[in-house]
């Protein structure tokens, strides 16, 4: 009985090894049966060999080529012009979303500079959410869609965070603490950026304002009468 019980346990263990791969780090080990001849008995026996396969870990963040601040600004300006969105609004949203970290990943799975969810990225044609230019264009395209849908920047910003359905449901900024804080943070930065832009535009206008041309100066007119009694006018 003990022998049979031990055989049964051994068979169960071997079966578990064959059926269940063993994962260690970035590798998976699978049991592979190998037939060989026992040199003592001359009989065919089977042994178990672990075959290891290396896999890419889902926890490893993808790497991208470092991008300069100038390039980031050019991507924002390019997307702003293409989709007719205020670049100050785009900049404000990126600051709040990721603080310009192209490798940012949120606990909910949003990715990249503008924190696009995978489904949203696919919806707006983003091929690589960790490519700064691709991510910005996809995020701005989505933002433009929201602006056209809700006709209100504040609601568009709220929908970017909470989803279109939530804004439609409440017909206002959803009463979610995260969304309300998000709208406030973006609005604060956007308002400040607009004031700075207006001040710069005003300064440039004052600087290039044409000067009023000075009025020409004329010599005073003198009048005299000659010996014949004729009146003469002269500026000399």
C-alpha atoms as a PDB file:
ATOM      1  CA  UNK A   1       0.000   0.000   0.000  1.00  0.00           C
ATOM      2  CA  UNK A   2       2.782   2.420   0.880  1.00  0.00           C
ATOM      3  CA  UNK A   3       4.525   1.668  -2.430  1.00  0.00           C
ATOM      4  CA  UNK A   4       1.325   2.335  -4.397  1.00  0.00           C
ATOM      5  CA  UNK A   5       0.694   5.537  -2.467  1.00  0.00           C
ATOM      6  CA  UNK A   6       4.224   6.793  -3.146  1.00  0.00           C
ATOM      7  CA  UNK A   7       3.890   5.922  -6.826  1.00  0.00           C
ATOM      8  CA  UNK A   8       0.641   7.848  -6.979  1.00  0.00           C
ATOM      9  CA  UNK A   9       2.169  10.909  -5.349  1.00  0.00           C
ATOM     10  CA  UNK A  10       5.152  10.753  -7.686  1.00  0.00           C
ATOM     11  CA  UNK A  11       2.872  10.499 -10.690  1.00  0.00           C
ATOM     12  CA  UNK A  12       0.854  13.516  -9.499  1.00  0.00           C
ATOM     13  CA  UNK A  13       4.005  15.568  -9.009  1.00  0.00           C
ATOM     14  CA  UNK A  14       5.368  14.617 -12.428  1.00  0.00           C
ATOM     15  CA  UNK A  15       2.034  15.410 -14.023  1.00  0.00           C
ATOM     16  CA  UNK A  16       1.981  18.836 -12.369  1.00  0.00           C
ATOM     17  CA  UNK A  17       5.458  19.558 -13.634  1.00  0.00           C
ATOM     18  CA  UNK A  18       4.516  18.570 -17.176  1.00  0.00           C
ATOM     19  CA  UNK A  19       1.306  20.604 -17.160  1.00  0.00           C
ATOM     20  CA  UNK A  20       2.415  23.749 -15.305  1.00  0.00           C
ATOM     21  CA  UNK A  21       5.296  25.906 -16.525  1.00  0.00           C
ATOM     22  CA  UNK A  22       7.569  27.306 -13.827  1.00  0.00           C
ATOM     23  CA  UNK A  23       8.301  31.043 -14.055  1.00  0.00           C
ATOM     24  CA  UNK A  24      11.441  32.615 -12.583  1.00  0.00           C
ATOM     25  CA  UNK A  25      12.049  36.279 -13.299  1.00  0.00           C
ATOM     26  CA  UNK A  26      11.891  36.757 -17.055  1.00  0.00           C
ATOM     27  CA  UNK A  27      12.181  33.014 -17.820  1.00  0.00           C
ATOM     28  CA  UNK A  28       9.724  30.139 -18.086  1.00  0.00           C
ATOM     29  CA  UNK A  29      10.895  26.558 -17.441  1.00  0.00           C
ATOM     30  CA  UNK A  30       8.906  23.687 -18.940  1.00  0.00           C
ATOM     31  CA  UNK A  31       9.400  19.991 -18.264  1.00  0.00           C
ATOM     32  CA  UNK A  32      10.422  18.043 -21.369  1.00  0.00           C
ATOM     33  CA  UNK A  33      10.582  14.182 -21.276  1.00  0.00           C
ATOM     34  CA  UNK A  34      13.826  12.732 -22.645  1.00  0.00           C
ATOM     35  CA  UNK A  35      14.194   9.006 -23.490  1.00  0.00           C
ATOM     36  CA  UNK A  36      17.543   7.272 -22.895  1.00  0.00           C
ATOM     37  CA  UNK A  37      18.967   3.779 -22.362  1.00  0.00           C
ATOM     38  CA  UNK A  38      19.979   2.796 -18.847  1.00  0.00           C
ATOM     39  CA  UNK A  39      23.600   1.514 -19.124  1.00  0.00           C
ATOM     40  CA  UNK A  40      23.078  -0.971 -16.281  1.00  0.00           C
ATOM     41  CA  UNK A  41      19.808  -2.620 -17.235  1.00  0.00           C
ATOM     42  CA  UNK A  42      19.799  -1.827 -20.956  1.00  0.00           C
ATOM     43  CA  UNK A  43      16.158  -0.741 -20.681  1.00  0.00           C
ATOM     44  CA  UNK A  44      14.590   2.416 -22.087  1.00  0.00           C
ATOM     45  CA  UNK A  45      13.908   4.964 -19.338  1.00  0.00           C
ATOM     46  CA  UNK A  46      12.549   8.476 -19.360  1.00  0.00           C
ATOM     47  CA  UNK A  47      14.027  11.411 -17.513  1.00  0.00           C
ATOM     48  CA  UNK A  48      12.735  14.951 -17.091  1.00  0.00           C
ATOM     49  CA  UNK A  49      14.659  17.913 -18.456  1.00  0.00           C
ATOM     50  CA  UNK A  50      13.720  21.564 -17.827  1.00  0.00           C
ATOM     51  CA  UNK A  51      13.776  23.691 -20.974  1.00  0.00           C
ATOM     52  CA  UNK A  52      14.087  27.409 -20.185  1.00  0.00           C
ATOM     53  CA  UNK A  53      12.640  30.151 -22.372  1.00  0.00           C
ATOM     54  CA  UNK A  54      13.326  33.845 -21.809  1.00  0.00           C
ATOM     55  CA  UNK A  55      10.310  36.137 -22.130  1.00  0.00           C
ATOM     56  CA  UNK A  56       9.837  39.886 -22.039  1.00  0.00           C
ATOM     57  CA  UNK A  57       8.573  41.036 -18.680  1.00  0.00           C
ATOM     58  CA  UNK A  58       5.413  43.160 -18.642  1.00  0.00           C
ATOM     59  CA  UNK A  59       6.888  45.044 -15.714  1.00  0.00           C
ATOM     60  CA  UNK A  60       9.797  46.391 -17.751  1.00  0.00           C
ATOM     61  CA  UNK A  61       9.090  49.868 -19.085  1.00  0.00           C
ATOM     62  CA  UNK A  62       9.817  50.409 -22.784  1.00  0.00           C
ATOM     63  CA  UNK A  63      12.746  52.627 -23.570  1.00  0.00           C
ATOM     64  CA  UNK A  64      12.681  55.618 -25.882  1.00  0.00           C
ATOM     65  CA  UNK A  65      15.370  57.896 -27.254  1.00  0.00           C
ATOM     66  CA  UNK A  66      15.741  60.980 -25.032  1.00  0.00           C
ATOM     67  CA  UNK A  67      13.942  64.000 -26.468  1.00  0.00           C
ATOM     68  CA  UNK A  68      15.028  67.591 -25.886  1.00  0.00           C
ATOM     69  CA  UNK A  69      12.751  70.268 -24.456  1.00  0.00           C
ATOM     70  CA  UNK A  70      12.912  72.075 -27.788  1.00  0.00           C
ATOM     71  CA  UNK A  71      11.624  68.974 -29.568  1.00  0.00           C
ATOM     72  CA  UNK A  72       8.783  68.613 -27.048  1.00  0.00           C
ATOM     73  CA  UNK A  73       7.733  72.208 -27.660  1.00  0.00           C
ATOM     74  CA  UNK A  74       7.859  71.683 -31.409  1.00  0.00           C
ATOM     75  CA  UNK A  75       5.613  68.599 -31.115  1.00  0.00           C
ATOM     76  CA  UNK A  76       3.117  70.594 -29.032  1.00  0.00           C
ATOM     77  CA  UNK A  77       3.155  73.476 -31.521  1.00  0.00           C
ATOM     78  CA  UNK A  78       2.793  71.085 -34.454  1.00  0.00           C
ATOM     79  CA  UNK A  79      -0.195  69.276 -32.930  1.00  0.00           C
ATOM     80  CA  UNK A  80      -1.772  72.573 -31.808  1.00  0.00           C
ATOM     81  CA  UNK A  81      -1.686  73.914 -35.356  1.00  0.00           C
ATOM     82  CA  UNK A  82      -2.846  70.666 -36.961  1.00  0.00           C
ATOM     83  CA  UNK A  83      -5.883  70.189 -34.699  1.00  0.00           C
ATOM     84  CA  UNK A  84      -6.548  73.878 -33.927  1.00  0.00           C
ATOM     85  CA  UNK A  85      -6.063  73.606 -30.161  1.00  0.00           C
ATOM     86  CA  UNK A  86      -4.464  76.275 -27.967  1.00  0.00           C
ATOM     87  CA  UNK A  87      -0.855  75.171 -27.311  1.00  0.00           C
ATOM     88  CA  UNK A  88      -1.063  76.621 -23.780  1.00  0.00           C
ATOM     89  CA  UNK A  89      -3.896  74.186 -23.008  1.00  0.00           C
ATOM     90  CA  UNK A  90      -1.910  71.236 -24.367  1.00  0.00           C
ATOM     91  CA  UNK A  91       1.132  72.253 -22.336  1.00  0.00           C
ATOM     92  CA  UNK A  92      -0.980  72.630 -19.168  1.00  0.00           C
ATOM     93  CA  UNK A  93      -2.518  69.179 -19.600  1.00  0.00           C
ATOM     94  CA  UNK A  94       0.844  67.481 -20.187  1.00  0.00           C
ATOM     95  CA  UNK A  95       2.230  69.114 -17.036  1.00  0.00           C
ATOM     96  CA  UNK A  96      -0.632  67.724 -14.942  1.00  0.00           C
ATOM     97  CA  UNK A  97      -0.782  64.345 -16.707  1.00  0.00           C
ATOM     98  CA  UNK A  98       2.882  63.326 -16.658  1.00  0.00           C
ATOM     99  CA  UNK A  99       5.068  66.373 -16.003  1.00  0.00           C
ATOM    100  CA  UNK A 100       6.560  65.689 -19.443  1.00  0.00           C
ATOM    101  CA  UNK A 101       7.698  62.142 -18.622  1.00  0.00           C
ATOM    102  CA  UNK A 102       7.351  60.124 -21.872  1.00  0.00           C
ATOM    103  CA  UNK A 103       7.645  56.825 -19.950  1.00  0.00           C
ATOM    104  CA  UNK A 104       4.962  57.594 -17.371  1.00  0.00           C
ATOM    105  CA  UNK A 105       2.504  54.769 -16.608  1.00  0.00           C
ATOM    106  CA  UNK A 106      -0.418  55.348 -14.239  1.00  0.00           C
ATOM    107  CA  UNK A 107      -1.792  52.708 -11.838  1.00  0.00           C
ATOM    108  CA  UNK A 108      -4.784  52.400 -14.184  1.00  0.00           C
ATOM    109  CA  UNK A 109      -2.573  51.734 -17.206  1.00  0.00           C
ATOM    110  CA  UNK A 110      -2.548  55.164 -18.896  1.00  0.00           C
ATOM    111  CA  UNK A 111       0.694  55.657 -20.807  1.00  0.00           C
ATOM    112  CA  UNK A 112       3.081  58.347 -21.972  1.00  0.00           C
ATOM    113  CA  UNK A 113       3.097  62.136 -21.932  1.00  0.00           C
ATOM    114  CA  UNK A 114      -0.663  62.638 -22.254  1.00  0.00           C
ATOM    115  CA  UNK A 115      -1.503  59.448 -20.333  1.00  0.00           C
ATOM    116  CA  UNK A 116      -3.478  57.656 -23.025  1.00  0.00           C
ATOM    117  CA  UNK A 117      -5.311  54.464 -22.151  1.00  0.00           C
ATOM    118  CA  UNK A 118      -4.493  51.690 -24.666  1.00  0.00           C
ATOM    119  CA  UNK A 119      -8.064  51.688 -26.034  1.00  0.00           C
ATOM    120  CA  UNK A 120      -8.011  55.466 -26.527  1.00  0.00           C
ATOM    121  CA  UNK A 121      -4.602  55.283 -28.181  1.00  0.00           C
ATOM    122  CA  UNK A 122      -5.891  52.729 -30.685  1.00  0.00           C
ATOM    123  CA  UNK A 123      -9.047  54.763 -31.249  1.00  0.00           C
ATOM    124  CA  UNK A 124      -7.059  57.820 -32.313  1.00  0.00           C
ATOM    125  CA  UNK A 125      -4.381  56.050 -34.318  1.00  0.00           C
ATOM    126  CA  UNK A 126      -1.445  56.053 -31.895  1.00  0.00           C
ATOM    127  CA  UNK A 127       1.082  53.368 -32.809  1.00  0.00           C
ATOM    128  CA  UNK A 128       3.489  53.846 -29.900  1.00  0.00           C
ATOM    129  CA  UNK A 129       2.261  55.597 -26.755  1.00  0.00           C
ATOM    130  CA  UNK A 130       5.848  55.988 -25.541  1.00  0.00           C
ATOM    131  CA  UNK A 131       6.889  57.934 -28.631  1.00  0.00           C
ATOM    132  CA  UNK A 132       6.499  61.609 -27.584  1.00  0.00           C
ATOM    133  CA  UNK A 133       5.331  62.921 -30.949  1.00  0.00           C
ATOM    134  CA  UNK A 134       2.899  60.048 -31.529  1.00  0.00           C
ATOM    135  CA  UNK A 135       1.503  60.371 -28.009  1.00  0.00           C
ATOM    136  CA  UNK A 136       1.025  64.151 -28.200  1.00  0.00           C
ATOM    137  CA  UNK A 137      -0.706  63.971 -31.573  1.00  0.00           C
ATOM    138  CA  UNK A 138      -3.049  61.255 -30.330  1.00  0.00           C
ATOM    139  CA  UNK A 139      -3.837  63.109 -27.108  1.00  0.00           C
ATOM    140  CA  UNK A 140      -4.494  66.421 -28.867  1.00  0.00           C
ATOM    141  CA  UNK A 141      -6.652  64.717 -31.474  1.00  0.00           C
ATOM    142  CA  UNK A 142      -8.734  63.226 -28.643  1.00  0.00           C
ATOM    143  CA  UNK A 143      -8.908  66.600 -26.876  1.00  0.00           C
ATOM    144  CA  UNK A 144     -10.129  68.287 -30.067  1.00  0.00           C
ATOM    145  CA  UNK A 145     -12.831  65.632 -30.380  1.00  0.00           C
ATOM    146  CA  UNK A 146     -13.944  66.390 -26.814  1.00  0.00           C
ATOM    147  CA  UNK A 147     -13.970  70.153 -27.458  1.00  0.00           C
ATOM    148  CA  UNK A 148     -16.188  69.663 -30.483  1.00  0.00           C
ATOM    149  CA  UNK A 149     -18.435  67.259 -28.564  1.00  0.00           C
ATOM    150  CA  UNK A 150     -19.037  69.389 -25.443  1.00  0.00           C
ATOM    151  CA  UNK A 151     -18.434  72.910 -26.840  1.00  0.00           C
ATOM    152  CA  UNK A 152     -16.784  73.863 -23.548  1.00  0.00           C
ATOM    153  CA  UNK A 153     -13.084  73.614 -22.670  1.00  0.00           C
ATOM    154  CA  UNK A 154     -13.859  72.921 -19.012  1.00  0.00           C
ATOM    155  CA  UNK A 155     -16.086  69.952 -19.878  1.00  0.00           C
ATOM    156  CA  UNK A 156     -13.579  68.739 -22.471  1.00  0.00           C
ATOM    157  CA  UNK A 157     -10.840  68.716 -19.822  1.00  0.00           C
ATOM    158  CA  UNK A 158     -13.142  66.849 -17.419  1.00  0.00           C
ATOM    159  CA  UNK A 159     -14.028  64.280 -20.087  1.00  0.00           C
ATOM    160  CA  UNK A 160     -10.335  63.734 -20.852  1.00  0.00           C
ATOM    161  CA  UNK A 161      -9.918  62.620 -17.249  1.00  0.00           C
ATOM    162  CA  UNK A 162     -13.230  60.936 -16.389  1.00  0.00           C
ATOM    163  CA  UNK A 163     -14.459  59.844 -19.811  1.00  0.00           C
ATOM    164  CA  UNK A 164     -17.126  61.137 -22.164  1.00  0.00           C
ATOM    165  CA  UNK A 165     -19.866  59.066 -20.537  1.00  0.00           C
ATOM    166  CA  UNK A 166     -19.356  60.602 -17.097  1.00  0.00           C
ATOM    167  CA  UNK A 167     -19.611  64.177 -18.401  1.00  0.00           C
ATOM    168  CA  UNK A 168     -22.669  63.299 -20.460  1.00  0.00           C
ATOM    169  CA  UNK A 169     -24.294  61.661 -17.434  1.00  0.00           C
ATOM    170  CA  UNK A 170     -23.917  64.703 -15.176  1.00  0.00           C
ATOM    171  CA  UNK A 171     -23.998  67.316 -17.962  1.00  0.00           C
ATOM    172  CA  UNK A 172     -21.235  68.975 -15.986  1.00  0.00           C
ATOM    173  CA  UNK A 173     -17.868  68.189 -14.407  1.00  0.00           C
ATOM    174  CA  UNK A 174     -18.466  64.818 -12.680  1.00  0.00           C
ATOM    175  CA  UNK A 175     -18.412  65.049  -8.857  1.00  0.00           C
ATOM    176  CA  UNK A 176     -15.335  62.846  -8.613  1.00  0.00           C
ATOM    177  CA  UNK A 177     -12.562  64.288  -6.390  1.00  0.00           C
ATOM    178  CA  UNK A 178      -9.863  63.232  -8.852  1.00  0.00           C
ATOM    179  CA  UNK A 179     -11.623  64.824 -11.828  1.00  0.00           C
ATOM    180  CA  UNK A 180     -12.508  68.019  -9.970  1.00  0.00           C
ATOM    181  CA  UNK A 181      -8.889  68.394  -8.842  1.00  0.00           C
ATOM    182  CA  UNK A 182      -7.651  67.622 -12.364  1.00  0.00           C
ATOM    183  CA  UNK A 183      -9.855  70.309 -13.923  1.00  0.00           C
ATOM    184  CA  UNK A 184      -8.728  72.819 -11.287  1.00  0.00           C
ATOM    185  CA  UNK A 185      -5.028  72.046 -11.799  1.00  0.00           C
ATOM    186  CA  UNK A 186      -5.202  72.260 -15.585  1.00  0.00           C
ATOM    187  CA  UNK A 187      -7.349  75.404 -15.420  1.00  0.00           C
ATOM    188  CA  UNK A 188      -4.889  77.103 -13.067  1.00  0.00           C
ATOM    189  CA  UNK A 189      -1.935  76.462 -15.379  1.00  0.00           C
ATOM    190  CA  UNK A 190      -3.931  77.324 -18.497  1.00  0.00           C
ATOM    191  CA  UNK A 191      -5.095  80.643 -17.039  1.00  0.00           C
ATOM    192  CA  UNK A 192      -1.578  81.578 -15.974  1.00  0.00           C
ATOM    193  CA  UNK A 193      -0.165  80.685 -19.401  1.00  0.00           C
ATOM    194  CA  UNK A 194      -2.818  82.792 -21.151  1.00  0.00           C
ATOM    195  CA  UNK A 195      -2.017  85.828 -18.986  1.00  0.00           C
ATOM    196  CA  UNK A 196       1.683  85.511 -19.784  1.00  0.00           C
ATOM    197  CA  UNK A 197       0.937  85.167 -23.507  1.00  0.00           C
ATOM    198  CA  UNK A 198      -1.345  88.221 -23.467  1.00  0.00           C
ATOM    199  CA  UNK A 199       1.270  90.285 -21.629  1.00  0.00           C
ATOM    200  CA  UNK A 200       3.935  89.328 -24.187  1.00  0.00           C
ATOM    201  CA  UNK A 201       1.623  90.148 -27.085  1.00  0.00           C
ATOM    202  CA  UNK A 202       0.833  93.546 -25.558  1.00  0.00           C
ATOM    203  CA  UNK A 203       4.525  94.308 -25.042  1.00  0.00           C
ATOM    204  CA  UNK A 204       5.299  93.464 -28.660  1.00  0.00           C
ATOM    205  CA  UNK A 205       2.416  95.655 -29.881  1.00  0.00           C
ATOM    206  CA  UNK A 206       3.673  98.633 -27.885  1.00  0.00           C
ATOM    207  CA  UNK A 207       7.217  98.073 -29.099  1.00  0.00           C
ATOM    208  CA  UNK A 208       6.364  98.004 -32.803  1.00  0.00           C
ATOM    209  CA  UNK A 209       3.758 100.784 -32.675  1.00  0.00           C
ATOM    210  CA  UNK A 210       4.720 103.287 -35.399  1.00  0.00           C
ATOM    211  CA  UNK A 211       5.756 106.700 -34.205  1.00  0.00           C
ATOM    212  CA  UNK A 212       3.642 109.681 -35.204  1.00  0.00           C
ATOM    213  CA  UNK A 213       5.613 111.640 -37.785  1.00  0.00           C
ATOM    214  CA  UNK A 214       6.673 115.079 -36.643  1.00  0.00           C
ATOM    215  CA  UNK A 215       4.833 117.977 -38.239  1.00  0.00           C
ATOM    216  CA  UNK A 216       6.937 119.850 -40.785  1.00  0.00           C
ATOM    217  CA  UNK A 217       8.330 123.172 -39.645  1.00  0.00           C
ATOM    218  CA  UNK A 218       7.866 126.166 -41.883  1.00  0.00           C
ATOM    219  CA  UNK A 219       9.638 129.507 -41.777  1.00  0.00           C
ATOM    220  CA  UNK A 220       7.397 132.387 -40.722  1.00  0.00           C
ATOM    221  CA  UNK A 221       5.856 134.484 -43.531  1.00  0.00           C
ATOM    222  CA  UNK A 222       6.944 138.118 -43.699  1.00  0.00           C
ATOM    223  CA  UNK A 223       5.151 140.876 -45.482  1.00  0.00           C
ATOM    224  CA  UNK A 224       6.620 144.087 -46.857  1.00  0.00           C
ATOM    225  CA  UNK A 225       5.686 146.878 -49.269  1.00  0.00           C
ATOM    226  CA  UNK A 226       8.130 147.999 -51.931  1.00  0.00           C
ATOM    227  CA  UNK A 227       8.741 151.517 -53.141  1.00  0.00           C
ATOM    228  CA  UNK A 228       6.004 151.188 -55.718  1.00  0.00           C
ATOM    229  CA  UNK A 229       3.443 150.346 -53.077  1.00  0.00           C
ATOM    230  CA  UNK A 230       3.217 146.676 -53.973  1.00  0.00           C
ATOM    231  CA  UNK A 231       2.720 144.120 -51.151  1.00  0.00           C
ATOM    232  CA  UNK A 232       5.135 141.191 -51.027  1.00  0.00           C
ATOM    233  CA  UNK A 233       5.007 137.915 -48.940  1.00  0.00           C
ATOM    234  CA  UNK A 234       8.237 136.042 -48.261  1.00  0.00           C
ATOM    235  CA  UNK A 235       9.652 133.349 -45.971  1.00  0.00           C
ATOM    236  CA  UNK A 236      13.187 134.575 -46.254  1.00  0.00           C
END
